[in-house]
Amino acid sequence: MSQQVSKQKTDSSGRLAVVGDRELVIGYRLIGIDDTFIVSDEEDASKKIQELYSSGEFGLIIASNSMRAKLSSKFLAEIEESIEPLVLFMPSQKETAEEDKESIAALAKRVLGISIEVN
């Protein structure tokens, strides 16, 4: 029985959740991702990210980059160190290309352990 329980944990950790504004979430819904959450209020988004992170059901959580500022510094430090679940902040259409480059470089450093320069 213990093998079955650990297999279930492994299977569920491959799930993907998306939290954010309508523009971010709708695209993931269109490609068939079921666990998507449109959140217009950033306070609600922060609670939802914490809920998904703590659930143990997801391997990857994608959230709008604008929600990062609403997370507590303690929780933000925890998720920046985590690789399972991996929390990825995606820039929205409203953010500049420079912010996008910085977030890709930060992600590479966190996940791969290497620093890259994006020109």
PDB file of N, CA and C in Angstrom:
ATOM      1  N   MET A   1       0.805  -1.203   0.000  1.00  0.00           N
ATOM      2  CA  MET A   1       0.000   0.000   0.000  1.00  0.00           C
ATOM      3  C   MET A   1       0.841   1.256   0.000  1.00  0.00           C
ATOM      4  N   SER A   2       1.969   1.250   0.688  1.00  0.00           N
ATOM      5  CA  SER A   2       2.778   2.464   0.739  1.00  0.00           C
ATOM      6  C   SER A   2       3.310   2.851  -0.633  1.00  0.00           C
ATOM      7  N   GLN A   3       3.541   1.848  -1.502  1.00  0.00           N
ATOM      8  CA  GLN A   3       3.985   2.167  -2.858  1.00  0.00           C
ATOM      9  C   GLN A   3       2.901   2.933  -3.609  1.00  0.00           C
ATOM     10  N   GLN A   4       1.663   2.541  -3.425  1.00  0.00           N
ATOM     11  CA  GLN A   4       0.567   3.203  -4.119  1.00  0.00           C
ATOM     12  C   GLN A   4       0.420   4.658  -3.666  1.00  0.00           C
ATOM     13  N   VAL A   5       0.565   4.907  -2.378  1.00  0.00           N
ATOM     14  CA  VAL A   5       0.458   6.266  -1.865  1.00  0.00           C
ATOM     15  C   VAL A   5       1.560   7.139  -2.437  1.00  0.00           C
ATOM     16  N   SER A   6       2.825   6.647  -2.456  1.00  0.00           N
ATOM     17  CA  SER A   6       3.908   7.469  -2.981  1.00  0.00           C
ATOM     18  C   SER A   6       3.756   7.692  -4.482  1.00  0.00           C
ATOM     19  N   LYS A   7       3.218   6.719  -5.206  1.00  0.00           N
ATOM     20  CA  LYS A   7       2.979   6.892  -6.641  1.00  0.00           C
ATOM     21  C   LYS A   7       1.941   7.991  -6.874  1.00  0.00           C
ATOM     22  N   GLN A   8       0.904   8.033  -6.057  1.00  0.00           N
ATOM     23  CA  GLN A   8      -0.104   9.076  -6.196  1.00  0.00           C
ATOM     24  C   GLN A   8       0.510  10.444  -5.962  1.00  0.00           C
ATOM     25  N   LYS A   9       1.390  10.574  -4.990  1.00  0.00           N
ATOM     26  CA  LYS A   9       2.043  11.847  -4.706  1.00  0.00           C
ATOM     27  C   LYS A   9       2.861  12.293  -5.911  1.00  0.00           C
ATOM     28  N   THR A  10       3.610  11.363  -6.505  1.00  0.00           N
ATOM     29  CA  THR A  10       4.427  11.682  -7.668  1.00  0.00           C
ATOM     30  C   THR A  10       3.560  12.104  -8.836  1.00  0.00           C
ATOM     31  N   ASP A  11       2.456  11.398  -9.080  1.00  0.00           N
ATOM     32  CA  ASP A  11       1.577  11.730 -10.192  1.00  0.00           C
ATOM     33  C   ASP A  11       0.978  13.126 -10.029  1.00  0.00           C
ATOM     34  N   SER A  12       0.557  13.467  -8.820  1.00  0.00           N
ATOM     35  CA  SER A  12      -0.092  14.767  -8.618  1.00  0.00           C
ATOM     36  C   SER A  12       0.908  15.917  -8.691  1.00  0.00           C
ATOM     37  N   SER A  13       2.187  15.642  -8.380  1.00  0.00           N
ATOM     38  CA  SER A  13       3.158  16.736  -8.394  1.00  0.00           C
ATOM     39  C   SER A  13       3.476  17.200  -9.813  1.00  0.00           C
ATOM     40  N   GLY A  14       2.998  16.489 -10.820  1.00  0.00           N
ATOM     41  CA  GLY A  14       3.196  16.904 -12.196  1.00  0.00           C
ATOM     42  C   GLY A  14       2.127  17.854 -12.689  1.00  0.00           C
ATOM     43  N   ARG A  15       1.179  18.188 -11.846  1.00  0.00           N
ATOM     44  CA  ARG A  15       0.083  19.075 -12.251  1.00  0.00           C
ATOM     45  C   ARG A  15       0.540  20.520 -12.334  1.00  0.00           C
ATOM     46  N   LEU A  16      -0.141  21.261 -13.181  1.00  0.00           N
ATOM     47  CA  LEU A  16       0.149  22.670 -13.422  1.00  0.00           C
ATOM     48  C   LEU A  16      -1.040  23.516 -12.997  1.00  0.00           C
ATOM     49  N   ALA A  17      -0.768  24.596 -12.274  1.00  0.00           N
ATOM     50  CA  ALA A  17      -1.812  25.548 -11.901  1.00  0.00           C
ATOM     51  C   ALA A  17      -1.408  26.925 -12.411  1.00  0.00           C
ATOM     52  N   VAL A  18      -2.393  27.692 -12.838  1.00  0.00           N
ATOM     53  CA  VAL A  18      -2.151  29.044 -13.336  1.00  0.00           C
ATOM     54  C   VAL A  18      -3.057  30.004 -12.577  1.00  0.00           C
ATOM     55  N   VAL A  19      -2.465  31.054 -12.007  1.00  0.00           N
ATOM     56  CA  VAL A  19      -3.199  32.057 -11.240  1.00  0.00           C
ATOM     57  C   VAL A  19      -2.846  33.422 -11.797  1.00  0.00           C
ATOM     58  N   GLY A  20      -3.871  34.213 -12.110  1.00  0.00           N
ATOM     59  CA  GLY A  20      -3.545  35.548 -12.568  1.00  0.00           C
ATOM     60  C   GLY A  20      -4.696  36.269 -13.221  1.00  0.00           C
ATOM     61  N   ASP A  21      -4.312  37.303 -13.945  1.00  0.00           N
ATOM     62  CA  ASP A  21      -5.322  38.094 -14.634  1.00  0.00           C
ATOM     63  C   ASP A  21      -5.872  37.322 -15.829  1.00  0.00           C
ATOM     64  N   ARG A  22      -6.956  37.809 -16.333  1.00  0.00           N
ATOM     65  CA  ARG A  22      -7.675  37.134 -17.412  1.00  0.00           C
ATOM     66  C   ARG A  22      -6.781  36.847 -18.617  1.00  0.00           C
ATOM     67  N   GLU A  23      -5.942  37.802 -18.999  1.00  0.00           N
ATOM     68  CA  GLU A  23      -5.094  37.644 -20.174  1.00  0.00           C
ATOM     69  C   GLU A  23      -4.137  36.464 -20.034  1.00  0.00           C
ATOM     70  N   LEU A  24      -3.578  36.275 -18.849  1.00  0.00           N
ATOM     71  CA  LEU A  24      -2.650  35.166 -18.626  1.00  0.00           C
ATOM     72  C   LEU A  24      -3.389  33.838 -18.581  1.00  0.00           C
ATOM     73  N   VAL A  25      -4.453  33.781 -17.827  1.00  0.00           N
ATOM     74  CA  VAL A  25      -5.151  32.525 -17.568  1.00  0.00           C
ATOM     75  C   VAL A  25      -5.871  31.984 -18.799  1.00  0.00           C
ATOM     76  N   ILE A  26      -6.476  32.842 -19.582  1.00  0.00           N
ATOM     77  CA  ILE A  26      -7.301  32.404 -20.704  1.00  0.00           C
ATOM     78  C   ILE A  26      -6.500  31.570 -21.702  1.00  0.00           C
ATOM     79  N   GLY A  27      -5.265  31.953 -21.956  1.00  0.00           N
ATOM     80  CA  GLY A  27      -4.416  31.198 -22.884  1.00  0.00           C
ATOM     81  C   GLY A  27      -4.181  29.769 -22.414  1.00  0.00           C
ATOM     82  N   TYR A  28      -3.953  29.603 -21.125  1.00  0.00           N
ATOM     83  CA  TYR A  28      -3.737  28.264 -20.582  1.00  0.00           C
ATOM     84  C   TYR A  28      -5.026  27.442 -20.607  1.00  0.00           C
ATOM     85  N   ARG A  29      -6.145  28.081 -20.395  1.00  0.00           N
ATOM     86  CA  ARG A  29      -7.426  27.377 -20.498  1.00  0.00           C
ATOM     87  C   ARG A  29      -7.646  26.869 -21.918  1.00  0.00           C
ATOM     88  N   LEU A  30      -7.283  27.692 -22.898  1.00  0.00           N
ATOM     89  CA  LEU A  30      -7.483  27.325 -24.295  1.00  0.00           C
ATOM     90  C   LEU A  30      -6.665  26.107 -24.709  1.00  0.00           C
ATOM     91  N   ILE A  31      -5.512  25.905 -24.074  1.00  0.00           N
ATOM     92  CA  ILE A  31      -4.714  24.727 -24.424  1.00  0.00           C
ATOM     93  C   ILE A  31      -5.028  23.525 -23.530  1.00  0.00           C
ATOM     94  N   GLY A  32      -6.049  23.654 -22.694  1.00  0.00           N
ATOM     95  CA  GLY A  32      -6.534  22.506 -21.939  1.00  0.00           C
ATOM     96  C   GLY A  32      -6.076  22.377 -20.506  1.00  0.00           C
ATOM     97  N   ILE A  33      -5.453  23.395 -19.939  1.00  0.00           N
ATOM     98  CA  ILE A  33      -5.059  23.341 -18.530  1.00  0.00           C
ATOM     99  C   ILE A  33      -6.310  23.594 -17.689  1.00  0.00           C
ATOM    100  N   ASP A  34      -6.641  22.623 -16.839  1.00  0.00           N
ATOM    101  CA  ASP A  34      -7.875  22.700 -16.052  1.00  0.00           C
ATOM    102  C   ASP A  34      -7.741  23.560 -14.797  1.00  0.00           C
ATOM    103  N   ASP A  35      -6.587  23.524 -14.156  1.00  0.00           N
ATOM    104  CA  ASP A  35      -6.408  24.223 -12.882  1.00  0.00           C
ATOM    105  C   ASP A  35      -5.965  25.659 -13.124  1.00  0.00           C
ATOM    106  N   THR A  36      -6.909  26.481 -13.599  1.00  0.00           N
ATOM    107  CA  THR A  36      -6.632  27.893 -13.851  1.00  0.00           C
ATOM    108  C   THR A  36      -7.564  28.733 -12.998  1.00  0.00           C
ATOM    109  N   PHE A  37      -7.022  29.826 -12.495  1.00  0.00           N
ATOM    110  CA  PHE A  37      -7.781  30.664 -11.583  1.00  0.00           C
ATOM    111  C   PHE A  37      -7.622  32.126 -11.974  1.00  0.00           C
ATOM    112  N   ILE A  38      -8.696  32.726 -12.473  1.00  0.00           N
ATOM    113  CA  ILE A  38      -8.681  34.146 -12.789  1.00  0.00           C
ATOM    114  C   ILE A  38      -8.929  34.903 -11.490  1.00  0.00           C
ATOM    115  N   VAL A  39      -7.982  35.743 -11.128  1.00  0.00           N
ATOM    116  CA  VAL A  39      -8.077  36.504  -9.890  1.00  0.00           C
ATOM    117  C   VAL A  39      -7.797  37.957 -10.224  1.00  0.00           C
ATOM    118  N   SER A  40      -8.771  38.801  -9.978  1.00  0.00           N
ATOM    119  CA  SER A  40      -8.588  40.218 -10.300  1.00  0.00           C
ATOM    120  C   SER A  40      -8.002  40.999  -9.133  1.00  0.00           C
ATOM    121  N   ASP A  41      -8.305  40.575  -7.916  1.00  0.00           N
ATOM    122  CA  ASP A  41      -7.797  41.252  -6.723  1.00  0.00           C
ATOM    123  C   ASP A  41      -6.474  40.595  -6.323  1.00  0.00           C
ATOM    124  N   GLU A  42      -5.418  41.398  -6.188  1.00  0.00           N
ATOM    125  CA  GLU A  42      -4.104  40.846  -5.898  1.00  0.00           C
ATOM    126  C   GLU A  42      -4.021  40.218  -4.510  1.00  0.00           C
ATOM    127  N   GLU A  43      -4.832  40.674  -3.558  1.00  0.00           N
ATOM    128  CA  GLU A  43      -4.858  40.050  -2.233  1.00  0.00           C
ATOM    129  C   GLU A  43      -5.394  38.621  -2.331  1.00  0.00           C
ATOM    130  N   ASP A  44      -6.478  38.445  -3.105  1.00  0.00           N
ATOM    131  CA  ASP A  44      -7.022  37.104  -3.317  1.00  0.00           C
ATOM    132  C   ASP A  44      -6.018  36.228  -4.048  1.00  0.00           C
ATOM    133  N   ALA A  45      -5.285  36.804  -4.978  1.00  0.00           N
ATOM    134  CA  ALA A  45      -4.275  36.058  -5.732  1.00  0.00           C
ATOM    135  C   ALA A  45      -3.180  35.557  -4.802  1.00  0.00           C
ATOM    136  N   SER A  46      -2.747  36.392  -3.879  1.00  0.00           N
ATOM    137  CA  SER A  46      -1.721  36.001  -2.921  1.00  0.00           C
ATOM    138  C   SER A  46      -2.189  34.806  -2.093  1.00  0.00           C
ATOM    139  N   LYS A  47      -3.422  34.863  -1.616  1.00  0.00           N
ATOM    140  CA  LYS A  47      -3.980  33.752  -0.839  1.00  0.00           C
ATOM    141  C   LYS A  47      -4.064  32.484  -1.683  1.00  0.00           C
ATOM    142  N   LYS A  48      -4.452  32.636  -2.952  1.00  0.00           N
ATOM    143  CA  LYS A  48      -4.593  31.482  -3.840  1.00  0.00           C
ATOM    144  C   LYS A  48      -3.234  30.848  -4.123  1.00  0.00           C
ATOM    145  N   ILE A  49      -2.213  31.662  -4.344  1.00  0.00           N
ATOM    146  CA  ILE A  49      -0.868  31.132  -4.578  1.00  0.00           C
ATOM    147  C   ILE A  49      -0.394  30.357  -3.354  1.00  0.00           C
ATOM    148  N   GLN A  50      -0.601  30.911  -2.168  1.00  0.00           N
ATOM    149  CA  GLN A  50      -0.196  30.225  -0.941  1.00  0.00           C
ATOM    150  C   GLN A  50      -0.953  28.911  -0.774  1.00  0.00           C
ATOM    151  N   GLU A  51      -2.234  28.917  -1.086  1.00  0.00           N
ATOM    152  CA  GLU A  51      -3.056  27.715  -0.989  1.00  0.00           C
ATOM    153  C   GLU A  51      -2.557  26.626  -1.944  1.00  0.00           C
ATOM    154  N   LEU A  52      -2.302  26.981  -3.186  1.00  0.00           N
ATOM    155  CA  LEU A  52      -1.825  26.021  -4.178  1.00  0.00           C
ATOM    156  C   LEU A  52      -0.438  25.498  -3.815  1.00  0.00           C
ATOM    157  N   TYR A  53       0.427  26.394  -3.357  1.00  0.00           N
ATOM    158  CA  TYR A  53       1.798  26.029  -2.980  1.00  0.00           C
ATOM    159  C   TYR A  53       1.782  25.017  -1.827  1.00  0.00           C
ATOM    160  N   SER A  54       0.949  25.261  -0.849  1.00  0.00           N
ATOM    161  CA  SER A  54       0.902  24.413   0.348  1.00  0.00           C
ATOM    162  C   SER A  54       0.155  23.100   0.129  1.00  0.00           C
ATOM    163  N   SER A  55      -0.634  23.012  -0.930  1.00  0.00           N
ATOM    164  CA  SER A  55      -1.475  21.829  -1.144  1.00  0.00           C
ATOM    165  C   SER A  55      -0.685  20.562  -1.449  1.00  0.00           C
ATOM    166  N   GLY A  56       0.496  20.701  -2.025  1.00  0.00           N
ATOM    167  CA  GLY A  56       1.272  19.532  -2.412  1.00  0.00           C
ATOM    168  C   GLY A  56       0.743  18.848  -3.658  1.00  0.00           C
ATOM    169  N   GLU A  57      -0.210  19.456  -4.332  1.00  0.00           N
ATOM    170  CA  GLU A  57      -0.835  18.846  -5.498  1.00  0.00           C
ATOM    171  C   GLU A  57      -0.221  19.284  -6.822  1.00  0.00           C
ATOM    172  N   PHE A  58       0.658  20.281  -6.804  1.00  0.00           N
ATOM    173  CA  PHE A  58       1.145  20.858  -8.053  1.00  0.00           C
ATOM    174  C   PHE A  58       2.667  20.827  -8.123  1.00  0.00           C
ATOM    175  N   GLY A  59       3.185  20.564  -9.312  1.00  0.00           N
ATOM    176  CA  GLY A  59       4.615  20.612  -9.547  1.00  0.00           C
ATOM    177  C   GLY A  59       5.051  21.971 -10.062  1.00  0.00           C
ATOM    178  N   LEU A  60       4.120  22.688 -10.711  1.00  0.00           N
ATOM    179  CA  LEU A  60       4.411  24.003 -11.278  1.00  0.00           C
ATOM    180  C   LEU A  60       3.215  24.916 -11.063  1.00  0.00           C
ATOM    181  N   ILE A  61       3.495  26.096 -10.562  1.00  0.00           N
ATOM    182  CA  ILE A  61       2.467  27.123 -10.386  1.00  0.00           C
ATOM    183  C   ILE A  61       2.924  28.348 -11.161  1.00  0.00           C
ATOM    184  N   ILE A  62       2.115  28.766 -12.126  1.00  0.00           N
ATOM    185  CA  ILE A  62       2.416  29.948 -12.918  1.00  0.00           C
ATOM    186  C   ILE A  62       1.503  31.066 -12.425  1.00  0.00           C
ATOM    187  N   ALA A  63       2.100  32.221 -12.132  1.00  0.00           N
ATOM    188  CA  ALA A  63       1.323  33.355 -11.624  1.00  0.00           C
ATOM    189  C   ALA A  63       1.746  34.620 -12.351  1.00  0.00           C
ATOM    190  N   SER A  64       0.852  35.583 -12.391  1.00  0.00           N
ATOM    191  CA  SER A  64       1.170  36.881 -12.985  1.00  0.00           C
ATOM    192  C   SER A  64       2.281  37.546 -12.175  1.00  0.00           C
ATOM    193  N   ASN A  65       3.233  38.123 -12.865  1.00  0.00           N
ATOM    194  CA  ASN A  65       4.366  38.773 -12.215  1.00  0.00           C
ATOM    195  C   ASN A  65       3.933  39.885 -11.266  1.00  0.00           C
ATOM    196  N   SER A  66       2.833  40.552 -11.568  1.00  0.00           N
ATOM    197  CA  SER A  66       2.360  41.653 -10.731  1.00  0.00           C
ATOM    198  C   SER A  66       1.966  41.184  -9.325  1.00  0.00           C
ATOM    199  N   MET A  67       1.726  39.904  -9.168  1.00  0.00           N
ATOM    200  CA  MET A  67       1.320  39.371  -7.859  1.00  0.00           C
ATOM    201  C   MET A  67       2.491  39.181  -6.909  1.00  0.00           C
ATOM    202  N   ARG A  68       3.687  39.163  -7.437  1.00  0.00           N
ATOM    203  CA  ARG A  68       4.879  38.963  -6.603  1.00  0.00           C
ATOM    204  C   ARG A  68       4.952  39.996  -5.485  1.00  0.00           C
ATOM    205  N   ALA A  69       4.616  41.251  -5.773  1.00  0.00           N
ATOM    206  CA  ALA A  69       4.710  42.325  -4.782  1.00  0.00           C
ATOM    207  C   ALA A  69       3.725  42.148  -3.629  1.00  0.00           C
ATOM    208  N   LYS A  70       2.666  41.384  -3.832  1.00  0.00           N
ATOM    209  CA  LYS A  70       1.669  41.191  -2.784  1.00  0.00           C
ATOM    210  C   LYS A  70       2.016  40.060  -1.824  1.00  0.00           C
ATOM    211  N   LEU A  71       3.057  39.295  -2.129  1.00  0.00           N
ATOM    212  CA  LEU A  71       3.449  38.188  -1.259  1.00  0.00           C
ATOM    213  C   LEU A  71       4.336  38.697  -0.133  1.00  0.00           C
ATOM    214  N   SER A  72       4.213  38.080   1.027  1.00  0.00           N
ATOM    215  CA  SER A  72       5.074  38.465   2.145  1.00  0.00           C
ATOM    216  C   SER A  72       6.519  38.120   1.797  1.00  0.00           C
ATOM    217  N   SER A  73       7.450  38.860   2.358  1.00  0.00           N
ATOM    218  CA  SER A  73       8.864  38.614   2.051  1.00  0.00           C
ATOM    219  C   SER A  73       9.291  37.214   2.496  1.00  0.00           C
ATOM    220  N   LYS A  74       8.731  36.719   3.578  1.00  0.00           N
ATOM    221  CA  LYS A  74       9.066  35.378   4.067  1.00  0.00           C
ATOM    222  C   LYS A  74       8.577  34.310   3.077  1.00  0.00           C
ATOM    223  N   PHE A  75       7.332  34.447   2.619  1.00  0.00           N
ATOM    224  CA  PHE A  75       6.784  33.473   1.672  1.00  0.00           C
ATOM    225  C   PHE A  75       7.504  33.575   0.333  1.00  0.00           C
ATOM    226  N   LEU A  76       7.815  34.774  -0.107  1.00  0.00           N
ATOM    227  CA  LEU A  76       8.519  34.970  -1.369  1.00  0.00           C
ATOM    228  C   LEU A  76       9.899  34.310  -1.317  1.00  0.00           C
ATOM    229  N   ALA A  77      10.601  34.472  -0.206  1.00  0.00           N
ATOM    230  CA  ALA A  77      11.918  33.836  -0.049  1.00  0.00           C
ATOM    231  C   ALA A  77      11.777  32.312  -0.106  1.00  0.00           C
ATOM    232  N   GLU A  78      10.727  31.780   0.499  1.00  0.00           N
ATOM    233  CA  GLU A  78      10.500  30.332   0.491  1.00  0.00           C
ATOM    234  C   GLU A  78      10.253  29.814  -0.923  1.00  0.00           C
ATOM    235  N   ILE A  79       9.405  30.484  -1.676  1.00  0.00           N
ATOM    236  CA  ILE A  79       9.106  29.970  -3.014  1.00  0.00           C
ATOM    237  C   ILE A  79      10.261  30.215  -3.989  1.00  0.00           C
ATOM    238  N   GLU A  80      11.075  31.212  -3.748  1.00  0.00           N
ATOM    239  CA  GLU A  80      12.239  31.429  -4.612  1.00  0.00           C
ATOM    240  C   GLU A  80      13.296  30.352  -4.422  1.00  0.00           C
ATOM    241  N   GLU A  81      13.300  29.702  -3.279  1.00  0.00           N
ATOM    242  CA  GLU A  81      14.239  28.611  -3.014  1.00  0.00           C
ATOM    243  C   GLU A  81      13.668  27.256  -3.438  1.00  0.00           C
ATOM    244  N   SER A  82      12.385  27.183  -3.663  1.00  0.00           N
ATOM    245  CA  SER A  82      11.712  25.921  -3.944  1.00  0.00           C
ATOM    246  C   SER A  82      11.825  25.529  -5.414  1.00  0.00           C
ATOM    247  N   ILE A  83      12.039  24.229  -5.640  1.00  0.00           N
ATOM    248  CA  ILE A  83      11.958  23.731  -7.009  1.00  0.00           C
ATOM    249  C   ILE A  83      10.789  22.756  -7.169  1.00  0.00           C
ATOM    250  N   GLU A  84      10.183  22.341  -6.057  1.00  0.00           N
ATOM    251  CA  GLU A  84       8.954  21.553  -6.127  1.00  0.00           C
ATOM    252  C   GLU A  84       8.040  21.925  -4.984  1.00  0.00           C
ATOM    253  N   PRO A  85       6.993  22.617  -5.225  1.00  0.00           N
ATOM    254  CA  PRO A  85       6.595  23.091  -6.547  1.00  0.00           C
ATOM    255  C   PRO A  85       7.434  24.283  -6.985  1.00  0.00           C
ATOM    256  N   LEU A  86       7.607  24.392  -8.269  1.00  0.00           N
ATOM    257  CA  LEU A  86       8.278  25.535  -8.854  1.00  0.00           C
ATOM    258  C   LEU A  86       7.237  26.609  -9.105  1.00  0.00           C
ATOM    259  N   VAL A  87       7.487  27.814  -8.614  1.00  0.00           N
ATOM    260  CA  VAL A  87       6.568  28.930  -8.836  1.00  0.00           C
ATOM    261  C   VAL A  87       7.226  29.861  -9.835  1.00  0.00           C
ATOM    262  N   LEU A  88       6.567  30.050 -10.948  1.00  0.00           N
ATOM    263  CA  LEU A  88       7.086  30.873 -12.034  1.00  0.00           C
ATOM    264  C   LEU A  88       6.187  32.085 -12.205  1.00  0.00           C
ATOM    265  N   PHE A  89       6.771  33.270 -12.143  1.00  0.00           N
ATOM    266  CA  PHE A  89       6.012  34.496 -12.339  1.00  0.00           C
ATOM    267  C   PHE A  89       6.177  34.930 -13.789  1.00  0.00           C
ATOM    268  N   MET A  90       5.052  35.026 -14.482  1.00  0.00           N
ATOM    269  CA  MET A  90       5.049  35.401 -15.899  1.00  0.00           C
ATOM    270  C   MET A  90       4.644  36.861 -16.040  1.00  0.00           C
ATOM    271  N   PRO A  91       5.392  37.606 -16.835  1.00  0.00           N
ATOM    272  CA  PRO A  91       4.991  39.001 -17.070  1.00  0.00           C
ATOM    273  C   PRO A  91       3.706  39.055 -17.886  1.00  0.00           C
ATOM    274  N   SER A  92       2.902  40.046 -17.595  1.00  0.00           N
ATOM    275  CA  SER A  92       1.673  40.219 -18.369  1.00  0.00           C
ATOM    276  C   SER A  92       1.980  41.097 -19.574  1.00  0.00           C
ATOM    277  N   GLN A  93       1.001  41.271 -20.417  1.00  0.00           N
ATOM    278  CA  GLN A  93       1.183  42.089 -21.603  1.00  0.00           C
ATOM    279  C   GLN A  93       1.481  43.541 -21.241  1.00  0.00           C
ATOM    280  N   LYS A  94       1.107  43.949 -20.056  1.00  0.00           N
ATOM    281  CA  LYS A  94       1.279  45.336 -19.636  1.00  0.00           C
ATOM    282  C   LYS A  94       2.713  45.655 -19.222  1.00  0.00           C
ATOM    283  N   GLU A  95       3.505  44.633 -18.916  1.00  0.00           N
ATOM    284  CA  GLU A  95       4.856  44.860 -18.426  1.00  0.00           C
ATOM    285  C   GLU A  95       5.839  45.005 -19.584  1.00  0.00           C
ATOM    286  N   THR A  96       6.928  45.654 -19.321  1.00  0.00           N
ATOM    287  CA  THR A  96       7.889  45.930 -20.389  1.00  0.00           C
ATOM    288  C   THR A  96       8.750  44.722 -20.710  1.00  0.00           C
ATOM    289  N   ALA A  97       9.391  44.761 -21.849  1.00  0.00           N
ATOM    290  CA  ALA A  97      10.292  43.689 -22.278  1.00  0.00           C
ATOM    291  C   ALA A  97      11.503  43.591 -21.354  1.00  0.00           C
ATOM    292  N   GLU A  98      11.968  44.699 -20.799  1.00  0.00           N
ATOM    293  CA  GLU A  98      13.121  44.680 -19.894  1.00  0.00           C
ATOM    294  C   GLU A  98      12.805  43.873 -18.640  1.00  0.00           C
ATOM    295  N   GLU A  99      11.607  44.036 -18.084  1.00  0.00           N
ATOM    296  CA  GLU A  99      11.211  43.257 -16.921  1.00  0.00           C
ATOM    297  C   GLU A  99      11.143  41.783 -17.263  1.00  0.00           C
ATOM    298  N   ASP A 100      10.713  41.462 -18.477  1.00  0.00           N
ATOM    299  CA  ASP A 100      10.654  40.084 -18.942  1.00  0.00           C
ATOM    300  C   ASP A 100      12.051  39.470 -18.963  1.00  0.00           C
ATOM    301  N   LYS A 101      13.033  40.189 -19.479  1.00  0.00           N
ATOM    302  CA  LYS A 101      14.403  39.692 -19.539  1.00  0.00           C
ATOM    303  C   LYS A 101      14.945  39.426 -18.146  1.00  0.00           C
ATOM    304  N   GLU A 102      14.670  40.314 -17.222  1.00  0.00           N
ATOM    305  CA  GLU A 102      15.153  40.139 -15.859  1.00  0.00           C
ATOM    306  C   GLU A 102      14.530  38.908 -15.208  1.00  0.00           C
ATOM    307  N   SER A 103      13.261  38.645 -15.458  1.00  0.00           N
ATOM    308  CA  SER A 103      12.630  37.498 -14.822  1.00  0.00           C
ATOM    309  C   SER A 103      13.156  36.189 -15.398  1.00  0.00           C
ATOM    310  N   ILE A 104      13.503  36.159 -16.682  1.00  0.00           N
ATOM    311  CA  ILE A 104      14.084  34.956 -17.276  1.00  0.00           C
ATOM    312  C   ILE A 104      15.457  34.693 -16.679  1.00  0.00           C
ATOM    313  N   ALA A 105      16.262  35.732 -16.515  1.00  0.00           N
ATOM    314  CA  ALA A 105      17.586  35.584 -15.921  1.00  0.00           C
ATOM    315  C   ALA A 105      17.474  35.099 -14.472  1.00  0.00           C
ATOM    316  N   ALA A 106      16.533  35.654 -13.726  1.00  0.00           N
ATOM    317  CA  ALA A 106      16.341  35.234 -12.329  1.00  0.00           C
ATOM    318  C   ALA A 106      15.886  33.783 -12.253  1.00  0.00           C
ATOM    319  N   LEU A 107      15.014  33.368 -13.158  1.00  0.00           N
ATOM    320  CA  LEU A 107      14.545  31.990 -13.183  1.00  0.00           C
ATOM    321  C   LEU A 107      15.695  31.039 -13.503  1.00  0.00           C
ATOM    322  N   ALA A 108      16.522  31.377 -14.476  1.00  0.00           N
ATOM    323  CA  ALA A 108      17.664  30.534 -14.833  1.00  0.00           C
ATOM    324  C   ALA A 108      18.604  30.365 -13.641  1.00  0.00           C
ATOM    325  N   LYS A 109      18.822  31.451 -12.922  1.00  0.00           N
ATOM    326  CA  LYS A 109      19.704  31.366 -11.749  1.00  0.00           C
ATOM    327  C   LYS A 109      19.110  30.457 -10.681  1.00  0.00           C
ATOM    328  N   ARG A 110      17.813  30.575 -10.455  1.00  0.00           N
ATOM    329  CA  ARG A 110      17.169  29.770  -9.415  1.00  0.00           C
ATOM    330  C   ARG A 110      17.092  28.303  -9.803  1.00  0.00           C
ATOM    331  N   VAL A 111      16.684  27.998 -11.020  1.00  0.00           N
ATOM    332  CA  VAL A 111      16.453  26.615 -11.425  1.00  0.00           C
ATOM    333  C   VAL A 111      17.740  25.919 -11.841  1.00  0.00           C
ATOM    334  N   LEU A 112      18.562  26.595 -12.636  1.00  0.00           N
ATOM    335  CA  LEU A 112      19.767  25.971 -13.165  1.00  0.00           C
ATOM    336  C   LEU A 112      21.007  26.249 -12.331  1.00  0.00           C
ATOM    337  N   GLY A 113      20.936  27.285 -11.499  1.00  0.00           N
ATOM    338  CA  GLY A 113      22.084  27.637 -10.674  1.00  0.00           C
ATOM    339  C   GLY A 113      23.159  28.396 -11.437  1.00  0.00           C
ATOM    340  N   ILE A 114      22.796  28.970 -12.574  1.00  0.00           N
ATOM    341  CA  ILE A 114      23.777  29.725 -13.347  1.00  0.00           C
ATOM    342  C   ILE A 114      23.252  31.140 -13.594  1.00  0.00           C
ATOM    343  N   SER A 115      24.181  32.062 -13.733  1.00  0.00           N
ATOM    344  CA  SER A 115      23.813  33.437 -14.057  1.00  0.00           C
ATOM    345  C   SER A 115      23.951  33.635 -15.557  1.00  0.00           C
ATOM    346  N   ILE A 116      22.972  34.280 -16.151  1.00  0.00           N
ATOM    347  CA  ILE A 116      23.047  34.590 -17.566  1.00  0.00           C
ATOM    348  C   ILE A 116      22.794  36.073 -17.757  1.00  0.00           C
ATOM    349  N   GLU A 117      23.354  36.606 -18.811  1.00  0.00           N
ATOM    350  CA  GLU A 117      23.105  37.999 -19.167  1.00  0.00           C
ATOM    351  C   GLU A 117      22.223  37.995 -20.395  1.00  0.00           C
ATOM    352  N   VAL A 118      21.149  38.757 -20.336  1.00  0.00           N
ATOM    353  CA  VAL A 118      20.234  38.855 -21.462  1.00  0.00           C
ATOM    354  C   VAL A 118      20.393  40.237 -22.064  1.00  0.00           C
ATOM    355  N   ASN A 119      20.783  40.267 -23.322  1.00  0.00           N
ATOM    356  CA  ASN A 119      20.992  41.565 -23.997  1.00  0.00           C
ATOM    357  C   ASN A 119      19.793  41.959 -24.808  1.00  0.00           C
TER     358      ASN A 119
END
